[in-house]
Amino acid sequence: MKPQNNIVEYTLEASEFNWEIKPGKTIAAWGFNNQVPGPLLKAKQGDTLVVKVVNNLPEPTLIHWHGIRLPATMDGTGEVQQPIQPGEHFEYRFEVPDAGTFWYHSHQNETVQMERGMYGGIVVAADNDPIVDNDRLFMIDDMKLTNENAFKKHGAIGRWIERHDGREGSTCLLNGKEAAILHMNAGQVERWRFVNAASARYFLLSLGGKPFRMIATDGGLLEKARTETELLITPGERFDIVVGPFEEGTIINIETLPYNRTTFLKAKKQQYATIHVTAEKPSKAFIPEQLNWIESLAPQDAIANRQVKMSVAPSLKRGIDFLVNDEMHCNDEPVMVGDLQVWEVSNTSMMDHPFHLHGFFFQVLEENGKVPAYKAWKDTYNLKPKSTIKIAWMPDNRPGRWMYHCHILEHHAAGMMAHFEVVDPNSPAAPKQKPVHSCQLKQFPHHKTK
């Protein structure tokens, strides 16, 4: 039975304000409702979210609802919506059909606006969610700041390195705070929802080596919990884990371990927060053995009907270009509603790229010829250097303009993205013709560089 549809309303005001990252350290942030991250939006599966976005920034903005299966007109990109100008507002309205962990963020001048704090979390609950004693959202971010706590700018060499690597800073934030100290009760079991909101940082989660249970990713619950001690969360990805119970007095470090994604800046171990386990409380938690059932869209040997190549090429003008099928910011072929898509997505470069598909979930059928360790619904997936994945996804009846791209923001801005049309075959506006390929940077003014 379909969950009852209720209307849940929020107002988000985008503005510049002073935000204290830690005592004595304040930045001139951009964000929503004078906080970083913005307000946590909560709804139940099947509800309709109505979000009024008021822009009090000195430049236009757009809001993308990352992971939500919504109409194309509500996706919050420059292809489907006029930017919200300073002093103006726009109302987003859409149903949230899936339970899980999602997030919202600027999709206008992202390399600047998201770096300064223009993002927030979304939690959609379901009646059959696992029972836990506490449910927390942890948004991971970093900032590159000067000694005066201003956002750092670069000369020509620094801009080139940042274009190549993506922007990583040494100020590491969890829920907008540096070196946060949190508490949980002994004997209890908690659900921690992680969202990687960073521009480029790969977050290799560790709790100081303590085991935890992974129960969900981008598109909701896995079929069964998986016990892990490390978990790679790339920009744009979400993972939910279950932790505890722990003994009183235990100290847990939320940290990232070094991950080599082939950049000039070498990764190192960094701590984001410390959890202190306090007095014991009884637990009501229940994590069922069978969490979900995920029906396979296609077998591993399904024939691909599209090739997507993500690559890097030298450029005399820009130093380096980031490409999809050898083009920058290109238009890909349309897909028809109800026509199962099986794509081979390859990364021919020598660096990692997190592939993100707007508006739809996909299943990874294989990676480099091997079946993944578990089934999951994904909208963001890491492509290692010289690797290929085969994915399957179904374009349901939400025709319109969509996109996919690398979720390292600087790579996206530098060309590693493509638009495509989802077409209703029964619509009069469904001619069987290829779109005109128009891949010039000048046609995408919302992608600015620092």
Protein backbone atom coordinates (compact mmCIF):
# COMPACT_ATOMS: atom_id res chain seq x y z
CA MET A 1 0.00 0.00 0.00
CA LYS A 2 1.34 3.45 -0.91
CA PRO A 3 2.22 5.57 2.14
CA GLN A 4 -0.14 8.45 2.94
CA ASN A 5 0.90 11.66 1.21
CA ASN A 6 1.39 14.61 3.54
CA ILE A 7 2.74 18.04 2.65
CA VAL A 8 5.90 19.07 4.53
CA GLU A 9 6.94 22.69 4.10
CA TYR A 10 10.27 24.42 4.67
CA THR A 11 11.81 27.80 3.88
CA LEU A 12 15.53 28.04 3.12
CA GLU A 13 17.11 31.46 3.04
CA ALA A 14 20.50 31.58 1.30
CA SER A 15 22.75 34.33 2.64
CA GLU A 16 26.22 35.25 3.85
CA PHE A 17 26.83 35.11 7.60
CA ASN A 18 29.55 34.51 10.17
CA TRP A 19 29.85 30.86 11.20
CA GLU A 20 31.97 29.63 14.09
CA ILE A 21 33.74 26.44 13.07
CA LYS A 22 35.28 26.07 16.52
CA PRO A 23 35.77 28.46 19.44
CA GLY A 24 37.75 31.44 18.18
CA LYS A 25 37.63 30.38 14.51
CA THR A 26 34.94 32.09 12.43
CA ILE A 27 34.45 32.20 8.66
CA ALA A 28 32.27 34.28 6.32
CA ALA A 29 30.09 31.36 5.24
CA TRP A 30 27.39 31.13 2.61
CA GLY A 31 24.56 28.84 3.57
CA PHE A 32 20.94 28.33 4.51
CA ASN A 33 19.16 29.84 7.52
CA ASN A 34 22.43 31.08 9.03
CA GLN A 35 23.87 27.63 9.64
CA VAL A 36 26.31 25.13 8.10
CA PRO A 37 25.06 22.62 7.07
CA GLY A 38 21.62 24.02 6.31
CA PRO A 39 18.56 22.73 8.20
CA LEU A 40 17.97 18.99 8.15
CA LEU A 41 14.82 18.39 6.10
CA LYS A 42 12.71 15.51 7.38
CA ALA A 43 9.82 13.71 5.71
CA LYS A 44 8.18 10.32 5.53
CA GLN A 45 8.23 8.15 2.43
CA GLY A 46 5.50 9.33 0.06
CA ASP A 47 5.28 12.86 1.52
CA THR A 48 5.41 15.95 -0.68
CA LEU A 49 8.20 18.38 0.15
CA VAL A 50 7.52 22.06 -0.53
CA VAL A 51 10.68 24.12 -0.11
CA LYS A 52 10.72 27.87 -0.66
CA VAL A 53 14.27 29.03 -1.42
CA VAL A 54 14.92 32.74 -0.85
CA ASN A 55 18.16 34.04 -2.37
CA ASN A 56 19.84 36.80 -0.37
CA LEU A 57 23.29 36.06 -1.79
CA PRO A 58 25.09 38.58 -4.05
CA GLU A 59 24.82 36.14 -7.00
CA PRO A 60 22.27 33.70 -8.50
CA THR A 61 21.83 30.22 -7.12
CA LEU A 62 20.04 26.92 -7.81
CA ILE A 63 19.32 23.99 -5.49
CA HIS A 64 19.77 20.37 -6.56
CA TRP A 65 18.03 17.64 -4.54
CA HIS A 66 20.68 14.95 -4.71
CA GLY A 67 19.27 11.42 -4.89
CA ILE A 68 15.57 12.33 -4.94
CA ARG A 69 13.56 10.78 -7.80
CA LEU A 70 11.67 13.94 -8.68
CA PRO A 71 10.37 15.57 -11.89
CA ALA A 72 13.04 16.96 -14.20
CA THR A 73 11.70 20.50 -13.73
CA MET A 74 12.50 20.29 -10.00
CA ASP A 75 16.05 18.91 -10.38
CA GLY A 76 17.61 22.32 -9.82
CA THR A 77 20.05 22.60 -12.73
CA GLY A 78 20.56 25.37 -15.26
CA GLU A 79 19.14 23.14 -17.99
CA VAL A 80 15.67 22.94 -16.43
CA GLN A 81 15.35 26.10 -14.36
CA GLN A 82 16.31 29.75 -14.50
CA PRO A 83 18.73 30.61 -11.68
CA ILE A 84 17.20 32.27 -8.63
CA GLN A 85 18.43 35.84 -8.79
CA PRO A 86 19.49 37.88 -5.73
CA GLY A 87 16.39 39.10 -3.91
CA GLU A 88 14.14 36.51 -5.60
CA HIS A 89 12.68 33.21 -4.47
CA PHE A 90 11.59 29.91 -6.01
CA GLU A 91 9.34 27.15 -4.67
CA TYR A 92 10.40 23.55 -5.20
CA ARG A 93 7.63 20.97 -4.87
CA PHE A 94 8.11 17.21 -5.25
CA GLU A 95 7.20 13.88 -3.73
CA VAL A 96 9.85 11.85 -1.90
CA PRO A 97 9.10 8.31 -3.09
CA ASP A 98 12.06 6.57 -1.43
CA ALA A 99 13.18 6.22 2.17
CA GLY A 100 16.83 6.96 2.87
CA THR A 101 19.54 9.57 3.24
CA PHE A 102 19.68 12.36 0.68
CA TRP A 103 20.96 15.92 0.53
CA TYR A 104 20.52 19.27 -1.14
CA HIS A 105 23.21 21.60 -2.44
CA SER A 106 23.85 24.50 -4.75
CA HIS A 107 24.11 23.63 -8.43
CA GLN A 108 25.17 27.12 -9.51
CA ASN A 109 28.82 28.15 -9.35
CA GLU A 110 29.22 25.03 -7.22
CA THR A 111 32.97 25.24 -6.75
CA VAL A 112 32.45 28.49 -4.83
CA GLN A 113 28.99 28.15 -3.30
CA MET A 114 29.34 24.60 -1.99
CA GLU A 115 32.84 25.30 -0.69
CA ARG A 116 31.37 28.11 1.43
CA GLY A 117 28.60 25.96 2.94
CA MET A 118 25.64 25.81 0.54
CA TYR A 119 24.37 22.32 1.39
CA GLY A 120 22.21 20.40 3.86
CA GLY A 121 20.78 16.96 4.58
CA ILE A 122 17.47 15.21 3.91
CA VAL A 123 16.21 12.17 5.81
CA VAL A 124 13.15 10.32 4.53
CA ALA A 125 11.81 7.79 7.02
CA ALA A 126 9.81 4.62 6.39
CA ASP A 127 7.58 2.54 8.65
CA ASN A 128 9.87 -0.48 8.22
CA ASP A 129 13.12 1.29 9.10
CA PRO A 130 15.36 -0.61 11.52
CA ILE A 131 14.75 0.38 15.14
CA VAL A 132 17.66 2.23 16.74
CA ASP A 133 18.20 4.23 19.92
CA ASN A 134 19.39 7.33 18.09
CA ASP A 135 19.56 8.43 14.45
CA ARG A 136 22.21 10.99 13.41
CA LEU A 137 23.20 12.65 10.16
CA PHE A 138 26.92 13.38 9.68
CA MET A 139 27.82 15.69 6.80
CA ILE A 140 31.50 15.54 5.84
CA ASP A 141 33.21 18.59 4.37
CA ASP A 142 36.51 20.41 4.22
CA MET A 143 37.54 23.99 3.51
CA LYS A 144 40.72 25.59 2.21
CA LEU A 145 41.32 28.64 4.39
CA THR A 146 44.09 31.20 4.87
CA ASN A 147 45.68 31.91 8.26
CA GLU A 148 43.08 34.68 8.61
CA ASN A 149 40.25 32.15 8.03
CA ALA A 150 39.33 33.58 4.63
CA PHE A 151 38.67 31.25 1.69
CA LYS A 152 41.98 30.76 -0.05
CA LYS A 153 42.59 31.96 -3.61
CA HIS A 154 45.38 30.80 -5.90
CA GLY A 155 47.71 32.01 -8.58
CA ALA A 156 48.01 30.32 -11.97
CA ILE A 157 49.91 27.23 -10.73
CA GLY A 158 47.60 26.74 -7.77
CA ARG A 159 44.52 27.02 -9.99
CA TRP A 160 45.97 24.41 -12.35
CA ILE A 161 46.67 22.01 -9.48
CA GLU A 162 43.18 22.54 -8.09
CA ARG A 163 41.66 21.95 -11.54
CA HIS A 164 43.59 18.67 -11.69
CA ASP A 165 43.06 17.45 -8.11
CA GLY A 166 39.85 19.14 -7.10
CA ARG A 167 39.78 21.47 -4.11
CA GLU A 168 40.81 19.92 -0.79
CA GLY A 169 41.41 21.91 2.37
CA SER A 170 43.05 21.19 5.70
CA THR A 171 40.04 22.43 7.72
CA CYS A 172 38.01 19.21 8.14
CA LEU A 173 34.39 19.60 9.19
CA LEU A 174 31.70 17.28 10.47
CA ASN A 175 28.31 19.00 10.56
CA GLY A 176 30.03 22.35 10.12
CA LYS A 177 32.34 21.97 13.11
CA GLU A 178 36.06 21.31 13.36
CA ALA A 179 37.30 18.74 15.91
CA ALA A 180 33.76 18.17 17.17
CA ILE A 181 33.18 16.32 20.45
CA LEU A 182 29.95 14.30 20.64
CA HIS A 183 28.41 11.86 23.11
CA MET A 184 26.45 8.62 23.01
CA ASN A 185 25.21 6.33 25.74
CA ALA A 186 26.79 2.99 26.58
CA GLY A 187 24.68 -0.03 25.75
CA GLN A 188 22.84 1.73 22.94
CA VAL A 189 22.81 1.23 19.16
CA GLU A 190 22.78 4.22 16.81
CA ARG A 191 22.29 4.79 13.09
CA TRP A 192 24.85 7.17 11.60
CA ARG A 193 24.04 8.55 8.17
CA PHE A 194 27.14 9.82 6.37
CA VAL A 195 26.98 12.30 3.48
CA ASN A 196 30.18 13.36 1.71
CA ALA A 197 29.52 17.02 0.83
CA ALA A 198 33.17 17.84 0.08
CA SER A 199 34.29 19.24 -3.26
CA ALA A 200 36.84 16.51 -3.90
CA ARG A 201 37.93 14.72 -0.71
CA TYR A 202 37.63 10.95 -0.63
CA PHE A 203 36.63 9.93 2.89
CA LEU A 204 37.87 6.48 3.96
CA LEU A 205 35.83 6.11 7.11
CA SER A 206 37.35 4.45 10.15
CA LEU A 207 36.17 4.38 13.76
CA GLY A 208 39.65 3.70 15.07
CA GLY A 209 39.46 0.15 13.76
CA LYS A 210 36.23 -0.68 15.57
CA PRO A 211 33.77 -2.73 13.49
CA PHE A 212 30.43 -1.31 12.40
CA ARG A 213 27.51 -2.55 10.30
CA MET A 214 26.76 -0.94 6.95
CA ILE A 215 23.00 -1.03 6.32
CA ALA A 216 22.25 1.44 3.52
CA THR A 217 23.70 3.46 0.69
CA ASP A 218 22.48 6.08 -1.82
CA GLY A 219 19.11 4.51 -2.65
CA GLY A 220 18.20 3.07 0.73
CA LEU A 221 18.60 -0.13 2.70
CA LEU A 222 20.79 -3.01 1.59
CA GLU A 223 19.36 -6.51 1.66
CA LYS A 224 21.49 -7.44 4.68
CA ALA A 225 23.87 -5.62 6.98
CA ARG A 226 27.59 -5.93 6.23
CA THR A 227 30.22 -5.78 8.96
CA GLU A 228 33.11 -3.47 8.04
CA THR A 229 36.03 -1.63 9.65
CA GLU A 230 36.62 0.78 6.74
CA LEU A 231 34.26 2.36 4.21
CA LEU A 232 35.14 4.60 1.25
CA ILE A 233 32.66 7.47 0.83
CA THR A 234 33.34 9.55 -2.29
CA PRO A 235 31.97 13.07 -2.98
CA GLY A 236 28.18 12.87 -3.34
CA GLU A 237 27.85 9.37 -1.84
CA ARG A 238 25.86 8.38 1.24
CA PHE A 239 26.26 5.39 3.52
CA ASP A 240 24.31 4.52 6.66
CA ILE A 241 26.00 2.49 9.37
CA VAL A 242 24.92 1.02 12.70
CA VAL A 243 27.31 1.42 15.63
CA GLY A 244 27.37 0.08 19.17
CA PRO A 245 26.74 -1.01 21.76
CA PHE A 246 29.89 0.28 23.43
CA GLU A 247 31.06 0.25 27.05
CA GLU A 248 31.01 3.39 29.18
CA GLY A 249 34.27 5.31 28.91
CA THR A 250 34.98 4.22 25.35
CA ILE A 251 36.35 6.93 23.04
CA ILE A 252 35.62 6.61 19.32
CA ASN A 253 37.47 8.63 16.70
CA ILE A 254 35.63 9.39 13.46
CA GLU A 255 38.51 9.64 11.02
CA THR A 256 39.51 9.25 7.41
CA LEU A 257 42.38 6.97 6.46
CA PRO A 258 44.71 7.80 3.56
CA TYR A 259 43.29 6.94 0.14
CA ASN A 260 45.41 7.36 -2.98
CA ARG A 261 43.29 8.80 -5.79
CA THR A 262 46.38 9.89 -7.76
CA THR A 263 46.63 13.57 -6.91
CA PHE A 264 49.51 15.97 -6.31
CA LEU A 265 48.36 16.36 -2.70
CA LYS A 266 49.10 13.13 -0.83
CA ALA A 267 46.33 11.82 1.38
CA LYS A 268 46.89 11.45 5.10
CA LYS A 269 44.99 10.25 8.14
CA GLN A 270 42.76 12.99 9.58
CA GLN A 271 40.36 13.12 12.50
CA TYR A 272 36.92 14.71 12.14
CA ALA A 273 35.26 14.15 15.49
CA THR A 274 35.49 12.31 18.81
CA ILE A 275 32.62 10.38 20.36
CA HIS A 276 32.65 9.93 24.14
CA VAL A 277 30.57 7.02 25.46
CA THR A 278 28.78 8.05 28.64
CA ALA A 279 26.47 6.40 31.17
CA GLU A 280 24.67 3.24 30.13
CA LYS A 281 21.05 3.23 29.03
CA PRO A 282 18.85 0.31 27.99
CA SER A 283 18.48 -0.34 24.28
CA LYS A 284 15.34 -0.79 22.20
CA ALA A 285 17.27 -1.39 18.96
CA PHE A 286 16.30 -4.12 16.52
CA ILE A 287 18.18 -4.65 13.25
CA PRO A 288 16.48 -7.45 11.28
CA GLU A 289 18.61 -9.93 9.39
CA GLN A 290 16.69 -9.20 6.16
CA LEU A 291 16.58 -5.44 5.72
CA ASN A 292 15.27 -5.16 2.18
CA TRP A 293 14.73 -7.01 -1.08
CA ILE A 294 16.38 -5.62 -4.20
CA GLU A 295 15.14 -7.04 -7.49
CA SER A 296 17.85 -7.24 -10.14
CA LEU A 297 17.23 -5.11 -13.21
CA ALA A 298 19.43 -7.17 -15.53
CA PRO A 299 21.88 -10.12 -15.47
CA GLN A 300 25.62 -9.54 -15.35
CA ASP A 301 26.03 -10.53 -19.02
CA ALA A 302 23.40 -8.05 -20.27
CA ILE A 303 24.53 -6.31 -23.45
CA ALA A 304 25.31 -2.64 -22.97
CA ASN A 305 23.31 -0.21 -25.11
CA ARG A 306 25.51 2.80 -24.33
CA GLN A 307 29.20 3.52 -23.79
CA VAL A 308 30.22 6.38 -21.55
CA LYS A 309 33.92 7.25 -21.41
CA MET A 310 35.33 9.58 -18.76
CA SER A 311 38.80 10.79 -19.68
CA VAL A 312 41.41 13.50 -19.22
CA ALA A 313 43.33 15.28 -21.99
CA PRO A 314 46.02 18.00 -22.09
CA SER A 315 44.93 21.44 -23.28
CA LEU A 316 47.13 24.28 -24.52
CA LYS A 317 44.51 26.80 -23.41
CA ARG A 318 43.43 25.35 -20.07
CA GLY A 319 46.24 22.97 -19.16
CA ILE A 320 43.94 19.98 -18.73
CA ASP A 321 40.41 19.11 -19.86
CA PHE A 322 37.98 16.65 -18.31
CA LEU A 323 35.87 14.88 -20.91
CA VAL A 324 32.89 12.61 -21.47
CA ASN A 325 33.13 10.70 -24.75
CA ASP A 326 35.96 13.04 -25.77
CA GLU A 327 33.85 16.20 -25.36
CA MET A 328 33.38 18.87 -22.67
CA HIS A 329 29.89 19.57 -21.28
CA CYS A 330 28.31 17.59 -24.09
CA ASN A 331 24.82 16.43 -24.99
CA ASP A 332 24.36 12.66 -25.02
CA GLU A 333 21.75 10.61 -26.89
CA PRO A 334 18.17 10.57 -25.54
CA VAL A 335 16.63 7.55 -23.78
CA MET A 336 13.01 6.44 -23.92
CA VAL A 337 10.73 6.04 -20.92
CA GLY A 338 10.47 2.32 -20.06
CA ASP A 339 13.52 1.33 -22.13
CA LEU A 340 15.96 -0.48 -19.81
CA GLN A 341 19.37 1.18 -19.89
CA VAL A 342 22.55 -0.87 -19.61
CA TRP A 343 25.59 1.38 -19.75
CA GLU A 344 29.28 0.64 -19.73
CA VAL A 345 30.95 3.53 -17.94
CA SER A 346 34.73 3.59 -18.24
CA ASN A 347 37.43 5.71 -16.68
CA THR A 348 40.45 5.81 -18.97
CA SER A 349 42.37 8.31 -16.84
CA MET A 350 44.91 7.68 -14.11
CA MET A 351 42.78 9.22 -11.33
CA ASP A 352 39.53 8.30 -9.59
CA HIS A 353 36.19 9.83 -10.62
CA PRO A 354 32.86 9.49 -8.75
CA PHE A 355 30.18 9.04 -11.44
CA HIS A 356 26.82 10.65 -10.48
CA LEU A 357 23.51 10.17 -12.32
CA HIS A 358 20.83 12.77 -11.62
CA GLY A 359 17.29 11.71 -10.76
CA PHE A 360 17.60 7.93 -11.13
CA PHE A 361 19.09 5.00 -9.21
CA PHE A 362 21.19 2.37 -10.93
CA GLN A 363 22.52 -1.08 -10.08
CA VAL A 364 26.14 -1.99 -10.71
CA LEU A 365 26.10 -5.29 -12.61
CA GLU A 366 29.85 -5.68 -12.74
CA GLU A 367 33.10 -3.84 -12.13
CA ASN A 368 36.04 -4.86 -14.32
CA GLY A 369 34.15 -8.04 -15.17
CA LYS A 370 33.40 -9.00 -11.54
CA VAL A 371 30.03 -8.99 -9.78
CA PRO A 372 29.94 -6.56 -6.82
CA ALA A 373 29.99 -8.02 -3.31
CA TYR A 374 26.41 -6.89 -2.67
CA LYS A 375 23.39 -5.44 -4.47
CA ALA A 376 22.49 -1.80 -3.93
CA TRP A 377 20.67 1.13 -5.46
CA LYS A 378 23.24 3.81 -6.31
CA ASP A 379 23.30 7.26 -7.82
CA THR A 380 27.03 7.88 -7.22
CA TYR A 381 29.78 5.32 -7.74
CA ASN A 382 33.55 5.58 -7.76
CA LEU A 383 35.43 4.67 -10.93
CA LYS A 384 39.02 3.74 -10.17
CA PRO A 385 41.75 4.52 -12.73
CA LYS A 386 41.56 2.42 -15.91
CA SER A 387 38.34 0.74 -14.77
CA THR A 388 34.94 -0.05 -16.27
CA ILE A 389 31.59 -0.62 -14.62
CA LYS A 390 28.37 -1.90 -16.18
CA ILE A 391 25.23 -0.36 -14.72
CA ALA A 392 21.51 -0.89 -15.28
CA TRP A 393 18.78 1.65 -14.69
CA MET A 394 15.19 2.24 -15.75
CA PRO A 395 14.00 5.63 -17.04
CA ASP A 396 10.52 5.81 -15.55
CA ASN A 397 7.86 8.28 -16.61
CA ARG A 398 9.69 11.49 -15.72
CA PRO A 399 10.58 12.91 -19.13
CA GLY A 400 12.82 15.92 -19.41
CA ARG A 401 16.43 17.06 -19.35
CA TRP A 402 18.84 15.21 -17.05
CA MET A 403 22.58 14.94 -16.55
CA TYR A 404 25.43 12.79 -15.30
CA HIS A 405 28.86 13.97 -14.25
CA CYS A 406 31.93 13.49 -12.10
CA HIS A 407 31.08 14.67 -8.59
CA ILE A 408 34.51 16.16 -8.00
CA LEU A 409 33.19 19.67 -8.45
CA GLU A 410 36.23 21.06 -10.25
CA HIS A 411 36.17 18.15 -12.74
CA HIS A 412 32.47 18.74 -13.37
CA ALA A 413 33.12 22.44 -13.96
CA ALA A 414 36.08 21.62 -16.21
CA GLY A 415 33.95 19.55 -18.60
CA MET A 416 33.36 16.04 -17.20
CA MET A 417 29.59 16.01 -17.53
CA ALA A 418 26.85 15.33 -20.08
CA HIS A 419 23.17 16.14 -20.54
CA PHE A 420 20.60 13.78 -22.03
CA GLU A 421 16.86 13.75 -22.59
CA VAL A 422 14.39 11.23 -21.19
CA VAL A 423 11.63 11.08 -23.79
CA ASP A 424 8.07 9.79 -23.52
CA PRO A 425 7.67 7.68 -26.71
CA ASN A 426 3.94 8.44 -26.75
CA SER A 427 4.51 12.16 -26.76
CA PRO A 428 4.13 14.08 -30.05
CA ALA A 429 7.49 15.67 -29.21
CA ALA A 430 9.38 12.39 -29.49
CA PRO A 431 11.05 12.44 -32.90
CA LYS A 432 13.66 9.79 -33.55
CA GLN A 433 16.48 12.18 -34.15
CA LYS A 434 19.79 12.79 -32.48
CA PRO A 435 20.27 16.00 -30.52
CA VAL A 436 22.68 18.58 -31.78
CA HIS A 437 25.96 18.24 -29.90
CA SER A 438 26.83 21.59 -28.39
CA CYS A 439 29.70 21.24 -25.96
CA GLN A 440 31.26 24.65 -25.72
CA LEU A 441 32.12 25.98 -22.27
CA LYS A 442 30.61 29.38 -23.11
CA GLN A 443 27.16 27.77 -23.18
CA PHE A 444 27.43 26.89 -19.48
CA PRO A 445 28.01 30.18 -17.68
CA HIS A 446 26.92 28.71 -14.33
CA HIS A 447 30.19 26.73 -14.19
CA LYS A 448 32.65 29.29 -12.95
CA THR A 449 36.15 28.83 -11.70
CA LYS A 450 37.74 30.54 -8.75
